[in-house]
Amino acid sequence: MNQPLVSIAIVTYNQVEFIGECIESCLAQGYQNFEIVIADDGSKDGTIDVLKSFYSRFPGKITVCLSAENAGITENHNRALRGCRGKYISWLGGDDLMLPDKISAQVALMEEDPECAICYHDLEVFDTSTGRRYSNFNAGLKIDGDIRAVIRYGTFNGASSTMVRRDSVPPGGFDESLKTASDWLFWIETLSSGGTIRYIDRPLGRYRRHQGNSTRQSKRVTPGELDHLRTCQILIARYPHYFCDIIYSYGGKLFELRKKLPYARAVFASFLLRPSARAVAALTLYSASLGKLKV
């Protein structure tokens, strides 16, 4: 069979507990023509020893890209990207898992639809300590669309579910001015020259919840959340013709961060930018309770 080469790009940092299982899930794919490119961001916990072991066992299949120091999430993604040779790139966190028919299902869709620049699927979200399944990642948004959909609704595609067409990837890769959360801008710019994002409505991977997740909740505005706000500013400068969609998304992000920002101003601003009944209710309850209720 004439199978196009797929690069599985794994990004990892201090994930010695999980990286072996992650790589094994890639090697168990029914699809045969793939390479695994692993970028490690200066791990200190034994992850590199695991990577070297897999490389020695599968030298023609696995490439390991190491960093002498911890440079950050975005730079590590670019390190992986530079090592990829495939027609398609499948992104994977070093703590997440593929199910056996993931690659074959996504390649089939993208080969059938040459307009598809990004393909994503649902993910099973599970707790690493108990194995308990929480929910599906895309229980809410399930979107097929174009660049406007990704601008308007943000990162509705789980990163570890996403496959991209390599010739659609922006020449500069991930924007390194966004140190932590550069994936949203990367997906947008992958669609900037045309093409669509397509969804497969079944779980083809597993997303692990644990204490070390970079998306872990914090009571303060995180670097990743700040990067999402900065992304909106970058988008206004680069894509002013999508101004209304960018502002709609910006309002939604302010509303999501309302409890971490000056509450009344954040909710009021989000209502002006993205009017909603939720914002009206939030402001009403906050005012009626003299600032005691923040919903």
Protein backbone atom coordinates (compact mmCIF):
# COMPACT_ATOMS: atom_id res chain seq x y z
CA MET A 1 0.00 0.00 0.00
CA ASN A 2 1.16 3.53 -0.81
CA GLN A 3 0.96 5.11 2.63
CA PRO A 4 2.23 8.70 3.02
CA LEU A 5 4.81 9.21 5.73
CA VAL A 6 3.42 10.52 9.02
CA SER A 7 5.64 12.22 11.59
CA ILE A 8 4.48 11.68 15.16
CA ALA A 9 5.87 14.70 17.01
CA ILE A 10 6.10 14.07 20.77
CA VAL A 11 7.02 16.95 23.10
CA THR A 12 8.15 16.03 26.59
CA TYR A 13 9.68 17.44 29.75
CA ASN A 14 10.16 15.53 33.03
CA GLN A 15 7.63 12.82 32.16
CA VAL A 16 9.58 9.70 33.09
CA GLU A 17 6.43 8.10 34.54
CA PHE A 18 4.49 8.40 31.29
CA ILE A 19 6.79 8.70 28.27
CA GLY A 20 7.36 4.95 27.84
CA GLU A 21 3.63 4.21 27.66
CA CYS A 22 3.19 7.15 25.28
CA ILE A 23 5.82 5.82 22.85
CA GLU A 24 4.45 2.28 23.07
CA SER A 25 1.00 3.58 22.06
CA CYS A 26 2.60 5.06 18.92
CA LEU A 27 4.45 1.88 18.07
CA ALA A 28 1.15 -0.04 18.39
CA GLN A 29 -0.49 1.87 15.52
CA GLY A 30 -2.08 -0.18 12.77
CA TYR A 31 -0.71 2.35 10.28
CA GLN A 32 2.85 1.38 9.31
CA ASN A 33 4.56 4.26 7.53
CA PHE A 34 5.41 6.62 10.36
CA GLU A 35 8.39 8.09 12.19
CA ILE A 36 8.49 9.24 15.80
CA VAL A 37 10.25 12.54 16.50
CA ILE A 38 10.67 13.23 20.22
CA ALA A 39 11.76 16.65 21.48
CA ASP A 40 12.85 16.77 25.12
CA ASP A 41 13.18 20.14 26.84
CA GLY A 42 16.09 19.40 29.18
CA SER A 43 14.48 16.80 31.46
CA LYS A 44 16.22 16.05 34.77
CA ASP A 45 14.11 13.12 36.02
CA GLY A 46 15.28 10.16 33.92
CA THR A 47 13.12 10.85 30.86
CA ILE A 48 16.22 11.09 28.65
CA ASP A 49 17.38 7.62 29.72
CA VAL A 50 14.01 6.21 28.63
CA LEU A 51 14.27 8.01 25.29
CA LYS A 52 17.79 6.69 24.67
CA SER A 53 16.58 3.17 25.40
CA PHE A 54 13.78 3.42 22.83
CA TYR A 55 16.13 4.99 20.30
CA SER A 56 18.60 2.11 20.66
CA ARG A 57 15.78 -0.38 20.09
CA PHE A 58 14.21 1.47 17.11
CA PRO A 59 17.00 3.57 15.54
CA GLY A 60 15.32 3.82 12.12
CA LYS A 61 11.93 4.64 13.55
CA ILE A 62 12.65 7.06 16.40
CA THR A 63 14.54 10.36 16.34
CA VAL A 64 15.37 12.09 19.62
CA CYS A 65 16.00 15.85 19.73
CA LEU A 66 17.51 16.93 23.05
CA SER A 67 17.99 20.35 24.62
CA ALA A 68 20.81 21.05 27.06
CA GLU A 69 18.51 23.35 29.06
CA ASN A 70 14.83 23.98 29.64
CA ALA A 71 13.93 26.45 26.86
CA GLY A 72 10.15 26.35 27.21
CA ILE A 73 7.11 24.75 25.59
CA THR A 74 7.05 26.78 22.37
CA GLU A 75 10.73 26.36 21.54
CA ASN A 76 10.43 22.63 22.24
CA HIS A 77 7.55 22.38 19.77
CA ASN A 78 9.70 24.04 17.12
CA ARG A 79 12.52 21.62 17.92
CA ALA A 80 10.16 18.72 17.18
CA LEU A 81 8.76 20.44 14.08
CA ARG A 82 12.24 20.85 12.55
CA GLY A 83 12.81 17.11 12.86
CA CYS A 84 9.62 16.08 11.03
CA ARG A 85 9.82 14.80 7.44
CA GLY A 86 6.31 13.45 6.92
CA LYS A 87 3.49 14.65 4.69
CA TYR A 88 1.43 14.86 7.87
CA ILE A 89 2.44 15.74 11.44
CA SER A 90 0.57 14.23 14.37
CA TRP A 91 1.14 16.11 17.65
CA LEU A 92 1.30 14.31 20.98
CA GLY A 93 2.16 15.26 24.55
CA GLY A 94 4.62 12.96 26.28
CA ASP A 95 1.98 12.03 28.88
CA ASP A 96 -0.86 11.26 26.44
CA LEU A 97 -1.77 8.14 24.49
CA MET A 98 -2.85 7.14 20.99
CA LEU A 99 -5.45 4.46 20.32
CA PRO A 100 -4.43 1.90 17.66
CA ASP A 101 -6.45 3.22 14.69
CA LYS A 102 -5.79 6.93 15.24
CA ILE A 103 -3.24 7.54 12.47
CA SER A 104 -5.00 5.43 9.85
CA ALA A 105 -8.35 7.20 10.46
CA GLN A 106 -6.87 10.68 10.22
CA VAL A 107 -4.73 9.94 7.15
CA ALA A 108 -7.74 8.41 5.39
CA LEU A 109 -9.78 11.58 5.93
CA MET A 110 -6.98 13.94 4.89
CA GLU A 111 -6.06 11.94 1.80
CA GLU A 112 -9.71 11.93 0.76
CA ASP A 113 -10.07 15.68 1.35
CA PRO A 114 -7.09 17.68 0.03
CA GLU A 115 -8.65 20.88 1.41
CA CYS A 116 -8.31 19.55 4.96
CA ALA A 117 -5.24 21.21 6.53
CA ILE A 118 -6.02 20.17 10.12
CA CYS A 119 -7.78 17.04 11.36
CA TYR A 120 -8.70 16.43 15.01
CA HIS A 121 -10.76 13.92 16.95
CA ASP A 122 -12.32 13.35 20.34
CA LEU A 123 -10.20 12.29 23.33
CA GLU A 124 -10.95 10.22 26.42
CA VAL A 125 -9.99 12.30 29.48
CA PHE A 126 -8.81 10.09 32.34
CA ASP A 127 -7.20 10.35 35.77
CA THR A 128 -3.73 8.84 35.85
CA SER A 129 -3.81 7.69 39.49
CA THR A 130 -7.15 5.84 39.33
CA GLY A 131 -7.61 5.21 35.61
CA ARG A 132 -11.08 6.72 36.02
CA ARG A 133 -12.52 8.22 32.85
CA TYR A 134 -13.87 11.73 33.38
CA SER A 135 -15.48 12.64 30.07
CA ASN A 136 -14.74 13.19 26.41
CA PHE A 137 -12.68 16.26 25.47
CA ASN A 138 -15.14 17.35 22.78
CA ALA A 139 -18.34 16.74 24.68
CA GLY A 140 -19.22 20.37 23.87
CA LEU A 141 -17.76 21.88 20.71
CA LYS A 142 -17.55 19.67 17.63
CA ILE A 143 -16.65 21.97 14.78
CA ASP A 144 -15.79 21.61 11.12
CA GLY A 145 -14.80 24.94 9.62
CA ASP A 146 -12.10 27.29 8.40
CA ILE A 147 -9.79 29.93 9.89
CA ARG A 148 -12.73 32.01 11.16
CA ALA A 149 -14.01 29.12 13.27
CA VAL A 150 -10.62 28.64 14.95
CA ILE A 151 -10.27 32.38 15.60
CA ARG A 152 -13.80 32.66 16.96
CA TYR A 153 -13.92 29.57 19.17
CA GLY A 154 -10.28 29.07 20.19
CA THR A 155 -8.58 25.74 20.90
CA PHE A 156 -11.56 23.42 20.66
CA ASN A 157 -9.20 20.82 19.19
CA GLY A 158 -7.15 18.92 21.77
CA ALA A 159 -3.47 19.32 20.85
CA SER A 160 -2.84 15.56 21.19
CA SER A 161 -5.69 14.86 18.80
CA THR A 162 -4.41 17.14 16.05
CA MET A 163 -2.82 16.20 12.73
CA VAL A 164 -1.66 18.90 10.31
CA ARG A 165 -0.66 18.89 6.67
CA ARG A 166 3.03 19.81 6.71
CA ASP A 167 2.92 21.98 3.59
CA SER A 168 0.28 24.15 5.31
CA VAL A 169 2.42 24.82 8.39
CA PRO A 170 3.52 28.49 8.76
CA PRO A 171 7.17 28.98 7.68
CA GLY A 172 8.18 30.26 11.12
CA GLY A 173 6.54 27.40 12.97
CA PHE A 174 5.29 28.28 16.45
CA ASP A 175 5.60 31.96 17.39
CA GLU A 176 8.32 32.09 20.05
CA SER A 177 7.09 35.44 21.38
CA LEU A 178 4.37 33.29 23.00
CA LYS A 179 6.45 31.24 25.42
CA THR A 180 3.77 28.89 26.79
CA ALA A 181 0.56 28.77 24.74
CA SER A 182 1.42 29.24 21.07
CA ASP A 183 -0.72 26.40 19.71
CA TRP A 184 -3.87 28.47 19.06
CA LEU A 185 -1.95 30.92 16.82
CA PHE A 186 -0.20 27.96 15.13
CA TRP A 187 -3.53 26.35 14.19
CA ILE A 188 -4.84 29.69 12.88
CA GLU A 189 -1.76 30.33 10.76
CA THR A 190 -1.85 26.77 9.41
CA LEU A 191 -5.26 27.73 7.95
CA SER A 192 -4.25 31.25 6.89
CA SER A 193 -3.56 30.34 3.26
CA GLY A 194 -6.82 28.40 2.95
CA GLY A 195 -7.95 24.94 3.91
CA THR A 196 -10.30 23.58 6.51
CA ILE A 197 -10.29 21.92 9.92
CA ARG A 198 -12.19 18.61 10.09
CA TYR A 199 -13.44 16.62 13.09
CA ILE A 200 -13.68 12.83 13.59
CA ASP A 201 -16.46 12.20 16.09
CA ARG A 202 -14.96 9.37 18.10
CA PRO A 203 -12.15 9.04 20.65
CA LEU A 204 -8.87 8.08 18.98
CA GLY A 205 -6.63 9.02 21.89
CA ARG A 206 -6.48 9.43 25.66
CA TYR A 207 -5.71 12.69 27.48
CA ARG A 208 -4.14 12.19 30.91
CA ARG A 209 -5.00 14.35 33.93
CA HIS A 210 -2.30 14.58 36.60
CA GLN A 211 -0.60 17.08 38.89
CA GLY A 212 1.99 18.09 36.30
CA ASN A 213 -0.40 19.13 33.50
CA SER A 214 0.58 22.47 31.98
CA THR A 215 -3.17 23.28 31.75
CA ARG A 216 -3.65 22.80 35.50
CA GLN A 217 -5.98 25.29 37.22
CA SER A 218 -4.51 28.25 39.08
CA LYS A 219 -6.10 31.02 41.14
CA ARG A 220 -3.96 33.57 39.30
CA VAL A 221 -3.76 34.38 35.61
CA THR A 222 -1.27 31.87 34.19
CA PRO A 223 1.38 32.49 31.51
CA GLY A 224 -0.69 30.39 29.13
CA GLU A 225 -3.80 32.49 29.73
CA LEU A 226 -1.79 35.67 29.16
CA ASP A 227 -0.52 34.19 25.90
CA HIS A 228 -4.12 33.70 24.76
CA LEU A 229 -4.81 37.40 25.37
CA ARG A 230 -1.56 38.35 23.58
CA THR A 231 -2.59 36.11 20.68
CA CYS A 232 -5.71 38.24 20.21
CA GLN A 233 -3.49 41.33 19.88
CA ILE A 234 -1.25 39.56 17.35
CA LEU A 235 -4.29 38.47 15.36
CA ILE A 236 -5.67 42.01 15.17
CA ALA A 237 -2.33 43.17 13.74
CA ARG A 238 -1.92 40.29 11.27
CA TYR A 239 -5.54 39.61 10.27
CA PRO A 240 -7.53 42.85 10.67
CA HIS A 241 -10.14 41.56 8.19
CA TYR A 242 -11.20 39.07 10.89
CA PHE A 243 -11.51 41.83 13.50
CA CYS A 244 -15.08 40.98 14.59
CA ASP A 245 -14.23 37.30 15.14
CA ILE A 246 -11.06 38.20 17.08
CA ILE A 247 -12.94 40.61 19.36
CA TYR A 248 -15.66 38.00 19.92
CA SER A 249 -13.00 35.52 21.05
CA TYR A 250 -11.25 38.15 23.19
CA GLY A 251 -14.50 38.87 25.02
CA GLY A 252 -14.97 35.18 25.72
CA LYS A 253 -11.48 34.87 27.16
CA LEU A 254 -12.05 37.86 29.45
CA PHE A 255 -15.23 36.23 30.70
CA GLU A 256 -13.37 32.95 31.36
CA LEU A 257 -10.82 34.89 33.42
CA ARG A 258 -13.38 37.04 35.25
CA LYS A 259 -12.61 35.62 38.73
CA LYS A 260 -8.87 36.23 38.28
CA LEU A 261 -9.21 39.81 37.00
CA PRO A 262 -10.96 42.86 38.49
CA TYR A 263 -14.32 41.15 38.33
CA ALA A 264 -16.84 43.86 37.45
CA ARG A 265 -14.61 45.42 34.78
CA ALA A 266 -13.78 42.05 33.21
CA VAL A 267 -17.43 40.98 33.01
CA PHE A 268 -18.55 44.38 31.71
CA ALA A 269 -15.81 44.42 29.05
CA SER A 270 -16.62 40.85 28.01
CA PHE A 271 -20.30 41.78 27.67
CA LEU A 272 -19.44 44.72 25.40
CA LEU A 273 -17.23 42.52 23.21
CA ARG A 274 -19.26 39.30 23.33
CA PRO A 275 -22.82 39.98 24.57
CA SER A 276 -24.39 37.07 26.42
CA ALA A 277 -27.07 36.28 28.97
CA ARG A 278 -24.36 34.76 31.22
CA ALA A 279 -22.50 38.07 31.38
CA VAL A 280 -25.71 39.95 32.21
CA ALA A 281 -26.55 37.45 34.94
CA ALA A 282 -23.00 37.63 36.35
CA LEU A 283 -23.10 41.44 36.54
CA THR A 284 -26.61 41.44 38.03
CA LEU A 285 -25.75 38.97 40.81
CA TYR A 286 -22.47 40.74 41.55
CA SER A 287 -24.23 44.11 41.88
CA ALA A 288 -27.20 42.76 43.88
CA SER A 289 -24.86 41.05 46.36
CA LEU A 290 -22.66 44.14 46.72
CA GLY A 291 -19.69 42.33 45.24
CA LYS A 292 -19.98 39.14 47.29
CA LEU A 293 -21.15 36.79 44.52
CA LYS A 294 -18.78 36.03 41.65
CA VAL A 295 -20.25 33.43 39.31
